[in-house]
Amino acid sequence: MTEAKEYTDRIVGMRYGRIIFDDRPDRLDEAAMERIYAGSPHADRRGDGAEAS
């Protein structure tokens, strides 16, 4: 991610086919990284953000 921030004008982060982040590299913070890389894939696929049981 460090290289992407240095050499690009725009970063798009996706998770399970959904765009989670689409902005300038200097706006990519820990909260955005958490949304892109963390969480339950089951909750993401349900689309409501809740954990699946």
C-alpha atoms as a PDB file:
ATOM      1  CA  MET A   1       0.000   0.000   0.000  1.00  0.00           C
ATOM      2  CA  THR A   2       2.925   2.330   0.634  1.00  0.00           C
ATOM      3  CA  GLU A   3       3.987   2.185  -3.008  1.00  0.00           C
ATOM      4  CA  ALA A   4       0.415   2.689  -4.187  1.00  0.00           C
ATOM      5  CA  LYS A   5       0.141   5.804  -2.043  1.00  0.00           C
ATOM      6  CA  GLU A   6       3.411   7.136  -3.453  1.00  0.00           C
ATOM      7  CA  TYR A   7       2.889   6.478  -7.165  1.00  0.00           C
ATOM      8  CA  THR A   8      -0.845   6.911  -7.781  1.00  0.00           C
ATOM      9  CA  ASP A   9      -3.367   9.729  -7.909  1.00  0.00           C
ATOM     10  CA  ARG A  10      -6.310   7.564  -6.884  1.00  0.00           C
ATOM     11  CA  ILE A  11      -6.876   4.358  -4.908  1.00  0.00           C
ATOM     12  CA  VAL A  12      -9.925   2.148  -5.192  1.00  0.00           C
ATOM     13  CA  GLY A  13     -10.382  -0.509  -2.522  1.00  0.00           C
ATOM     14  CA  MET A  14     -12.889  -3.301  -3.118  1.00  0.00           C
ATOM     15  CA  ARG A  15     -14.282  -6.065  -0.958  1.00  0.00           C
ATOM     16  CA  TYR A  16     -16.442  -8.846  -2.424  1.00  0.00           C
ATOM     17  CA  GLY A  17     -17.186  -6.825  -5.527  1.00  0.00           C
ATOM     18  CA  ARG A  18     -18.184  -3.646  -3.688  1.00  0.00           C
ATOM     19  CA  ILE A  19     -16.203  -0.416  -3.775  1.00  0.00           C
ATOM     20  CA  ILE A  20     -15.250   0.389  -0.183  1.00  0.00           C
ATOM     21  CA  PHE A  21     -12.837   3.251  -0.829  1.00  0.00           C
ATOM     22  CA  ASP A  22     -12.391   5.536  -3.842  1.00  0.00           C
ATOM     23  CA  ASP A  23     -10.326   8.643  -3.132  1.00  0.00           C
ATOM     24  CA  ARG A  24      -6.895  10.251  -3.117  1.00  0.00           C
ATOM     25  CA  PRO A  25      -4.064   8.246  -1.539  1.00  0.00           C
ATOM     26  CA  ASP A  26      -3.556  10.799   1.251  1.00  0.00           C
ATOM     27  CA  ARG A  27      -7.154  10.118   2.400  1.00  0.00           C
ATOM     28  CA  LEU A  28      -6.527   6.376   2.864  1.00  0.00           C
ATOM     29  CA  ASP A  29      -6.359   6.056   6.634  1.00  0.00           C
ATOM     30  CA  GLU A  30      -6.564   3.209   9.155  1.00  0.00           C
ATOM     31  CA  ALA A  31     -10.374   3.359   9.236  1.00  0.00           C
ATOM     32  CA  ALA A  32     -10.559   2.899   5.460  1.00  0.00           C
ATOM     33  CA  MET A  33      -8.034   0.053   5.621  1.00  0.00           C
ATOM     34  CA  GLU A  34     -10.120  -1.621   8.319  1.00  0.00           C
ATOM     35  CA  ARG A  35     -13.245  -1.406   6.141  1.00  0.00           C
ATOM     36  CA  ILE A  36     -11.375  -2.914   3.193  1.00  0.00           C
ATOM     37  CA  TYR A  37      -9.537  -5.748   4.967  1.00  0.00           C
ATOM     38  CA  ALA A  38     -11.447  -6.644   8.157  1.00  0.00           C
ATOM     39  CA  GLY A  39     -14.852  -7.951   9.078  1.00  0.00           C
ATOM     40  CA  SER A  40     -16.903 -10.976   8.299  1.00  0.00           C
ATOM     41  CA  PRO A  41     -17.359 -12.002   4.680  1.00  0.00           C
ATOM     42  CA  HIS A  42     -20.793 -13.416   5.615  1.00  0.00           C
ATOM     43  CA  ALA A  43     -21.958 -10.023   6.890  1.00  0.00           C
ATOM     44  CA  ASP A  44     -20.602  -8.345   3.766  1.00  0.00           C
ATOM     45  CA  ARG A  45     -22.487 -10.732   1.516  1.00  0.00           C
ATOM     46  CA  ARG A  46     -25.750 -10.217   3.416  1.00  0.00           C
ATOM     47  CA  GLY A  47     -25.298  -6.500   2.923  1.00  0.00           C
ATOM     48  CA  ASP A  48     -26.575  -5.366   6.331  1.00  0.00           C
ATOM     49  CA  GLY A  49     -23.237  -5.188   8.147  1.00  0.00           C
ATOM     50  CA  ALA A  50     -24.410  -7.648  10.810  1.00  0.00           C
ATOM     51  CA  GLU A  51     -22.599 -10.821  11.663  1.00  0.00           C
ATOM     52  CA  ALA A  52     -24.146 -13.946  10.177  1.00  0.00           C
ATOM     53  CA  SER A  53     -25.097 -16.720  12.578  1.00  0.00           C
END
